[in-house]
Amino acid sequence: MPLSLEEWAEGGFDYVEKIAANFASIQSFVNSLAQQVLASGAEGSSLILDMFDRPGIVVGYQLDIDAYEGGAEILIGRRPTPNIPAGDQDESAAWGTFAGERSRVQQTGDITLDASPILAGLPKTIYVGIPSSGTAQLYEDTATPDVIYIYSLCWNGFNLTQFKRMGHYLPSYWLFQAMVKHAQVVQVSDWETQWTGDTLAEMSLPLHGGVLGNGIGVNHALEVIGGFVDIPKGGVGRFHSPSAVNNKLVLKLMAAGVKWNLEPIEINAASCPDRIYFQIDTGAVGDDRYVTDVEDFRLERVSIGDNVVSARGYTLGLFVRPILGVAIPKDSDVLDQI
C-alpha cells in the first residue's frame, strides 16, 4: 500500500504531533515491507528468492578435478586459487534455506571429501552437498533436507568418475580474470637508440591506465604479466659483435623508478636476430603490476660488452590482460567509484 504522510499548513502549530505521526507511519510501513519480504510466499518474497536466494547459488566449492589422480579422496574449495596478496579470501560461500531460514554459509580453504566409507550398492551415484555448517560433504542420495546438492559423481569403490555439476554457480572475480588469461601484446619499436652510446632508450611504451588515471574517460587499465625484447636483424649497423666474448648487452625495464624485469634482459649481439622473454618481478612491483594510472615503460642499459660494435633496432613488448571491473588509481580516495 502507498505511504501517506502528514503535511504542514502555513500558520499551524501542530508540527510536533505531525512529525511524531509521520515517524510512526514510516516505522509501520518499513516493518510491513520487511514482513512481506521475509514471509514465505508473501508479496515481494518470490522476487527476492528468484534473484538471490534460490538453493544452489554458490561461489567457490569447486572440485579439484585437475589434481585428482584416482582413489576415494578429492579436494573441494576455491578454484582457481584465490589471489591472497590482492586481498582475495580463500572462502567458498553458498546461499540457501536451512531450517526454514534463508542464510549464507561458507567454507574456508580446501577440505578433503572421502568416499571410502560408502560400501553398499557399488558402483553408485553419490552427491556432494553443502549443509548448514557450510562444510561440503558426500551423500549417498539427495533425500537429506536442508542441503544444497552441487555435484553428482560415480563411486565404484576404486575411483570417482562422471562428475556433473548441479545448481547455480556464480563465478568469482578471479575466475573472470582467469578467463582472460590469454594475454594481449602491446609493443613499440625503437630504431633510434644506439646502445653502444645511449644508456636510456629513446622510445617508451606507454600504458594509459583507467578512466580516472588518464582523465579522458578511456579505460585502458591492464595487468602486466610478462614481456619480451625482439631483435629482428643482426649485422653491421644493427646488433653486431665479431667476438665470442664480451659481446652482451644487458638491459632492464623501468617505470616510475622501479625495475620490472625479474631476470636480467641479456642480449648476445653476436647471435642476432633473437628474442628474449622476461618475467615480471612481482615481489618488487607488487600490486603496481595492475596499471590503473598512466605509466611509461622504458629500457635502460645495465652493461655492454667491450666487443659490441653496434646495438640498434629492437621491439619492446609487454604481455597484458584487462583488469575487470572499475579500475581505481592506487592513491585514489574516490570511494563512490569502487
Protein backbone atom coordinates (compact mmCIF):
# COMPACT_ATOMS: atom_id res chain seq x y z
CA MET A 1 0.00 0.00 0.00
CA PRO A 2 1.26 3.59 -0.60
CA LEU A 3 2.85 5.58 2.22
CA SER A 4 0.89 8.67 3.21
CA LEU A 5 2.46 11.39 5.40
CA GLU A 6 1.07 14.43 7.22
CA GLU A 7 1.70 17.85 5.68
CA TRP A 8 2.21 21.19 7.43
CA ALA A 9 -0.21 24.05 6.87
CA GLU A 10 1.04 27.60 6.93
CA GLY A 11 0.46 29.14 10.35
CA GLY A 12 -0.09 25.79 12.04
CA PHE A 13 1.38 24.93 15.45
CA ASP A 14 0.85 21.16 15.44
CA TYR A 15 4.13 20.29 13.72
CA VAL A 16 5.37 18.24 16.71
CA GLU A 17 2.33 15.97 16.54
CA LYS A 18 2.63 15.66 12.77
CA ILE A 19 6.36 14.79 12.98
CA ALA A 20 5.55 12.08 15.51
CA ALA A 21 2.72 10.79 13.32
CA ASN A 22 5.00 10.68 10.27
CA PHE A 23 7.67 8.76 12.14
CA ALA A 24 5.03 6.27 13.27
CA SER A 25 3.75 5.89 9.68
CA ILE A 26 7.28 5.35 8.34
CA GLN A 27 8.02 2.75 11.02
CA SER A 28 4.81 0.89 10.30
CA PHE A 29 5.42 1.00 6.54
CA VAL A 30 9.01 -0.32 6.80
CA ASN A 31 8.01 -3.09 9.22
CA SER A 32 5.18 -4.12 6.91
CA LEU A 33 7.54 -4.19 3.94
CA ALA A 34 10.05 -6.29 5.88
CA GLN A 35 7.35 -8.80 6.74
CA GLN A 36 6.33 -9.05 3.10
CA VAL A 37 9.90 -9.76 2.06
CA LEU A 38 10.55 -12.30 4.80
CA ALA A 39 7.23 -14.11 4.80
CA SER A 40 7.26 -17.21 2.64
CA GLY A 41 5.02 -16.73 -0.35
CA ALA A 42 4.17 -13.13 0.53
CA GLU A 43 4.24 -10.31 -1.98
CA GLY A 44 7.85 -9.47 -2.85
CA SER A 45 9.24 -12.71 -1.47
CA SER A 46 9.28 -14.52 -4.80
CA LEU A 47 11.21 -11.67 -6.39
CA ILE A 48 13.90 -11.73 -3.69
CA LEU A 49 14.12 -15.51 -3.84
CA ASP A 50 14.34 -15.57 -7.60
CA MET A 51 17.13 -13.01 -7.71
CA PHE A 52 19.35 -14.07 -4.85
CA ASP A 53 18.24 -16.94 -2.66
CA ARG A 54 17.45 -19.89 -4.88
CA PRO A 55 19.00 -23.05 -3.45
CA GLY A 56 22.29 -23.73 -5.18
CA ILE A 57 23.55 -20.16 -5.55
CA VAL A 58 27.19 -20.96 -4.93
CA VAL A 59 30.55 -19.18 -5.14
CA GLY A 60 33.56 -21.48 -5.00
CA TYR A 61 33.03 -25.09 -3.85
CA GLN A 62 34.90 -26.38 -6.91
CA LEU A 63 36.13 -29.98 -7.06
CA ASP A 64 39.85 -30.12 -7.82
CA ILE A 65 39.36 -32.44 -10.78
CA ASP A 66 42.63 -31.33 -12.43
CA ALA A 67 44.69 -32.64 -9.49
CA TYR A 68 42.59 -35.79 -8.95
CA GLU A 69 44.62 -38.92 -9.78
CA GLY A 70 42.21 -41.62 -8.68
CA GLY A 71 41.13 -43.14 -5.39
CA ALA A 72 38.46 -42.26 -2.86
CA GLU A 73 39.59 -38.72 -1.96
CA ILE A 74 39.19 -35.42 -3.76
CA LEU A 75 39.61 -31.79 -2.68
CA ILE A 76 36.88 -29.16 -2.85
CA GLY A 77 37.25 -25.42 -2.32
CA ARG A 78 38.10 -22.24 -4.22
CA ARG A 79 39.03 -22.65 -7.90
CA PRO A 80 41.02 -21.01 -9.36
CA THR A 81 43.38 -20.42 -6.44
CA PRO A 82 42.39 -17.18 -4.68
CA ASN A 83 44.66 -14.18 -5.15
CA ILE A 84 45.56 -13.72 -1.47
CA PRO A 85 48.14 -10.91 -1.99
CA ALA A 86 45.47 -8.83 -3.74
CA GLY A 87 43.05 -9.24 -0.84
CA ASP A 88 41.01 -12.20 -2.12
CA GLN A 89 39.77 -14.57 0.58
CA ASP A 90 40.18 -18.35 0.45
CA GLU A 91 36.49 -18.93 1.13
CA SER A 92 33.60 -20.62 -0.64
CA ALA A 93 30.07 -19.35 0.02
CA ALA A 94 26.53 -20.57 -0.64
CA TRP A 95 23.05 -19.13 -0.17
CA GLY A 96 20.10 -21.34 0.66
CA THR A 97 17.31 -22.24 3.03
CA PHE A 98 18.35 -24.06 6.19
CA ALA A 99 15.84 -24.99 8.92
CA GLY A 100 13.29 -22.75 7.24
CA GLU A 101 15.51 -19.67 7.15
CA ARG A 102 17.47 -18.22 4.28
CA SER A 103 21.09 -17.75 5.21
CA ARG A 104 24.64 -17.60 3.91
CA VAL A 105 27.09 -20.38 4.79
CA GLN A 106 30.76 -20.65 3.97
CA GLN A 107 33.78 -22.95 3.93
CA THR A 108 37.35 -21.75 4.48
CA GLY A 109 40.04 -23.28 2.29
CA ASP A 110 40.04 -26.78 0.82
CA ILE A 111 38.59 -29.82 2.55
CA THR A 112 39.01 -33.47 1.53
CA LEU A 113 35.97 -35.48 0.52
CA ASP A 114 36.43 -39.21 1.21
CA ALA A 115 34.14 -41.78 -0.43
CA SER A 116 35.79 -44.86 1.12
CA PRO A 117 33.12 -45.32 3.87
CA ILE A 118 30.46 -45.79 1.14
CA LEU A 119 30.44 -49.54 0.52
CA ALA A 120 26.91 -50.67 -0.37
CA GLY A 121 25.47 -50.93 -3.86
CA LEU A 122 28.63 -50.09 -5.78
CA PRO A 123 29.03 -48.70 -8.34
CA LYS A 124 26.57 -45.95 -7.44
CA THR A 125 25.88 -42.27 -7.90
CA ILE A 126 26.79 -40.17 -4.90
CA TYR A 127 26.45 -36.46 -4.28
CA VAL A 128 28.41 -33.51 -2.93
CA GLY A 129 26.24 -31.30 -0.73
CA ILE A 130 26.52 -28.19 1.40
CA PRO A 131 24.74 -28.46 4.75
CA SER A 132 24.03 -25.65 7.20
CA SER A 133 27.59 -25.88 8.57
CA GLY A 134 28.92 -24.74 5.20
CA THR A 135 31.46 -27.60 5.00
CA ALA A 136 30.91 -29.73 1.88
CA GLN A 137 30.15 -33.42 2.44
CA LEU A 138 29.39 -36.57 0.45
CA TYR A 139 25.86 -38.02 0.46
CA GLU A 140 24.52 -41.29 -0.89
CA ASP A 141 21.27 -39.69 -2.07
CA THR A 142 19.52 -36.31 -2.23
CA ALA A 143 16.95 -37.07 0.47
CA THR A 144 18.66 -35.21 3.32
CA PRO A 145 16.81 -31.93 3.95
CA ASP A 146 18.50 -28.53 4.27
CA VAL A 147 21.34 -29.45 1.93
CA ILE A 148 22.36 -27.73 -1.29
CA TYR A 149 23.46 -30.51 -3.66
CA ILE A 150 26.14 -29.20 -6.01
CA TYR A 151 27.74 -32.26 -7.69
CA SER A 152 26.82 -35.81 -8.63
CA LEU A 153 29.55 -38.36 -9.31
CA CYS A 154 30.01 -42.10 -9.61
CA TRP A 155 31.90 -44.13 -6.97
CA ASN A 156 32.85 -47.72 -7.82
CA GLY A 157 34.95 -48.47 -4.79
CA PHE A 158 38.18 -47.53 -6.52
CA ASN A 159 37.74 -44.25 -8.37
CA LEU A 160 35.44 -41.25 -8.68
CA THR A 161 34.13 -40.57 -12.19
CA GLN A 162 31.28 -38.93 -14.12
CA PHE A 163 31.46 -35.56 -12.38
CA LYS A 164 28.35 -33.46 -13.02
CA ARG A 165 27.65 -30.01 -11.66
CA MET A 166 24.24 -29.29 -10.15
CA GLY A 167 22.62 -25.97 -9.17
CA HIS A 168 23.54 -22.37 -9.92
CA TYR A 169 27.14 -21.18 -9.65
CA LEU A 170 28.30 -17.57 -9.52
CA PRO A 171 31.87 -17.14 -10.82
CA SER A 172 34.27 -15.20 -8.60
CA TYR A 173 36.20 -12.14 -9.76
CA TRP A 174 39.39 -14.14 -10.06
CA LEU A 175 37.65 -16.76 -12.20
CA PHE A 176 36.63 -13.98 -14.58
CA GLN A 177 40.22 -12.72 -14.50
CA ALA A 178 41.48 -16.22 -15.32
CA MET A 179 39.09 -16.34 -18.27
CA VAL A 180 41.07 -13.53 -19.90
CA LYS A 181 44.45 -15.11 -19.11
CA HIS A 182 45.28 -15.32 -22.82
CA ALA A 183 47.37 -12.21 -22.97
CA GLN A 184 47.29 -9.34 -25.40
CA VAL A 185 50.50 -7.72 -26.59
CA VAL A 186 51.32 -4.01 -26.56
CA GLN A 187 54.61 -3.06 -28.14
CA VAL A 188 56.76 -0.29 -29.53
CA SER A 189 59.69 -0.43 -31.98
CA ASP A 190 62.78 1.65 -31.39
CA TRP A 191 65.16 2.30 -34.29
CA GLU A 192 66.73 5.40 -32.74
CA THR A 193 68.56 4.10 -29.67
CA GLN A 194 72.17 3.00 -30.22
CA TRP A 195 73.05 1.12 -27.04
CA THR A 196 76.80 1.45 -27.60
CA GLY A 197 76.41 5.11 -26.70
CA ASP A 198 72.96 5.51 -25.15
CA THR A 199 72.13 4.41 -21.62
CA LEU A 200 68.41 5.18 -21.87
CA ALA A 201 66.05 4.16 -24.66
CA GLU A 202 64.83 6.92 -26.96
CA MET A 203 61.36 5.33 -27.14
CA SER A 204 58.99 4.48 -24.29
CA LEU A 205 55.99 2.16 -24.20
CA PRO A 206 53.02 3.90 -22.55
CA LEU A 207 50.11 2.22 -20.80
CA HIS A 208 47.24 4.65 -20.37
CA GLY A 209 45.55 3.46 -17.18
CA GLY A 210 41.92 3.56 -16.14
CA VAL A 211 39.25 6.18 -16.62
CA LEU A 212 40.33 8.16 -13.56
CA GLY A 213 44.00 7.67 -14.33
CA ASN A 214 44.05 9.36 -17.74
CA GLY A 215 41.17 11.74 -17.14
CA ILE A 216 39.62 11.41 -20.62
CA GLY A 217 37.20 8.57 -19.99
CA VAL A 218 39.28 5.86 -21.70
CA ASN A 219 39.60 2.60 -19.77
CA HIS A 220 42.97 1.03 -20.61
CA ALA A 221 43.68 -0.48 -17.17
CA LEU A 222 45.84 -3.57 -17.63
CA GLU A 223 47.71 -6.19 -15.64
CA VAL A 224 51.29 -6.66 -16.86
CA ILE A 225 52.22 -10.35 -16.78
CA GLY A 226 55.44 -10.55 -18.80
CA GLY A 227 57.42 -9.07 -21.65
CA PHE A 228 59.93 -9.54 -24.45
CA VAL A 229 62.61 -7.76 -26.44
CA ASP A 230 62.72 -8.72 -30.12
CA ILE A 231 65.80 -8.09 -32.25
CA PRO A 232 64.67 -8.72 -35.84
CA LYS A 233 68.01 -8.24 -37.58
CA GLY A 234 71.69 -8.67 -36.82
CA GLY A 235 74.78 -7.43 -38.61
CA VAL A 236 76.72 -4.22 -39.02
CA GLY A 237 74.63 -1.22 -38.06
CA ARG A 238 72.11 -3.37 -36.18
CA PHE A 239 73.06 -5.74 -33.33
CA HIS A 240 76.56 -6.92 -34.06
CA SER A 241 79.68 -8.27 -32.39
CA PRO A 242 82.53 -10.07 -34.19
CA SER A 243 83.66 -11.74 -30.98
CA ALA A 244 82.52 -14.73 -28.94
CA VAL A 245 83.38 -12.96 -25.68
CA ASN A 246 82.37 -9.65 -24.12
CA ASN A 247 79.54 -9.47 -26.63
CA LYS A 248 76.48 -9.00 -24.43
CA LEU A 249 74.14 -6.08 -23.85
CA VAL A 250 72.23 -6.23 -20.53
CA LEU A 251 69.05 -4.16 -20.14
CA LYS A 252 66.40 -3.56 -17.50
CA LEU A 253 62.78 -2.44 -17.82
CA MET A 254 61.98 0.63 -15.75
CA ALA A 255 58.78 2.51 -14.89
CA ALA A 256 58.46 5.24 -12.25
CA GLY A 257 61.90 4.39 -10.87
CA VAL A 258 61.12 0.69 -10.33
CA LYS A 259 62.77 -2.23 -12.15
CA TRP A 260 60.08 -4.55 -13.50
CA ASN A 261 62.02 -7.49 -15.01
CA LEU A 262 62.85 -10.41 -12.72
CA GLU A 263 65.98 -11.69 -14.50
CA PRO A 264 68.42 -9.51 -16.47
CA ILE A 265 67.45 -8.93 -20.11
CA GLU A 266 70.63 -10.24 -21.72
CA ILE A 267 71.21 -9.94 -25.49
CA ASN A 268 74.10 -11.64 -27.25
CA ALA A 269 74.97 -9.23 -30.06
CA ALA A 270 76.90 -11.99 -31.89
CA SER A 271 73.82 -14.22 -32.29
CA CYS A 272 71.11 -11.88 -33.54
CA PRO A 273 68.35 -11.94 -34.70
CA ASP A 274 66.98 -13.10 -31.36
CA ARG A 275 64.05 -12.68 -28.98
CA ILE A 276 64.36 -12.57 -25.19
CA TYR A 277 61.35 -13.13 -22.93
CA PHE A 278 61.29 -11.92 -19.34
CA GLN A 279 59.10 -12.33 -16.28
CA ILE A 280 57.78 -9.55 -14.06
CA ASP A 281 59.39 -9.20 -10.64
CA THR A 282 56.10 -9.31 -8.73
CA GLY A 283 57.97 -9.12 -5.43
CA ALA A 284 59.40 -5.72 -6.32
CA VAL A 285 56.46 -4.41 -8.34
CA GLY A 286 53.65 -5.77 -6.15
CA ASP A 287 50.15 -4.56 -6.96
CA ASP A 288 51.59 -1.88 -9.27
CA ARG A 289 51.53 -4.57 -11.97
CA TYR A 290 47.84 -3.63 -12.15
CA VAL A 291 48.37 -0.44 -14.12
CA THR A 292 45.50 1.97 -13.40
CA ASP A 293 47.48 5.20 -13.80
CA VAL A 294 49.27 6.42 -16.93
CA GLU A 295 52.69 4.72 -16.91
CA ASP A 296 55.68 4.90 -19.27
CA PHE A 297 57.89 1.82 -19.62
CA ARG A 298 61.41 2.33 -20.89
CA LEU A 299 64.52 0.16 -21.24
CA GLU A 300 67.76 1.22 -19.56
CA ARG A 301 71.25 -0.11 -20.14
CA VAL A 302 72.82 -2.04 -17.29
CA SER A 303 76.06 -3.02 -19.03
CA ILE A 304 77.53 -3.61 -22.50
CA GLY A 305 80.49 -5.74 -23.54
CA ASP A 306 83.61 -4.16 -24.99
CA ASN A 307 83.25 -6.17 -28.19
CA VAL A 308 79.71 -4.98 -29.03
CA VAL A 309 80.23 -2.69 -32.00
CA SER A 310 76.57 -1.96 -32.75
CA ALA A 311 73.26 -2.43 -30.93
CA ARG A 312 70.39 -0.73 -32.72
CA GLY A 313 66.84 -1.74 -33.70
CA TYR A 314 64.54 -3.66 -31.37
CA THR A 315 60.89 -4.03 -30.33
CA LEU A 316 59.82 -3.89 -26.68
CA GLY A 317 56.61 -5.79 -25.97
CA LEU A 318 54.52 -6.41 -22.86
CA PHE A 319 52.04 -9.20 -22.31
CA VAL A 320 48.96 -7.69 -20.66
CA ARG A 321 45.39 -8.61 -19.83
CA PRO A 322 42.40 -6.41 -18.96
CA ILE A 323 41.50 -5.62 -15.38
CA LEU A 324 37.84 -6.49 -14.94
CA GLY A 325 35.64 -4.03 -13.08
CA VAL A 326 36.23 -0.36 -12.34
CA ALA A 327 39.93 0.45 -12.22
CA ILE A 328 40.80 2.86 -9.40
CA PRO A 329 44.18 4.66 -9.26
CA LYS A 330 46.18 3.29 -6.34
CA ASP A 331 46.14 6.58 -4.39
CA SER A 332 42.51 7.45 -5.12
CA ASP A 333 40.13 8.44 -2.36
CA VAL A 334 37.06 8.49 -4.64
CA LEU A 335 35.04 5.90 -2.78
CA ASP A 336 31.94 6.06 -4.95
CA GLN A 337 33.94 4.66 -7.86
CA ILE A 338 34.83 1.40 -6.07
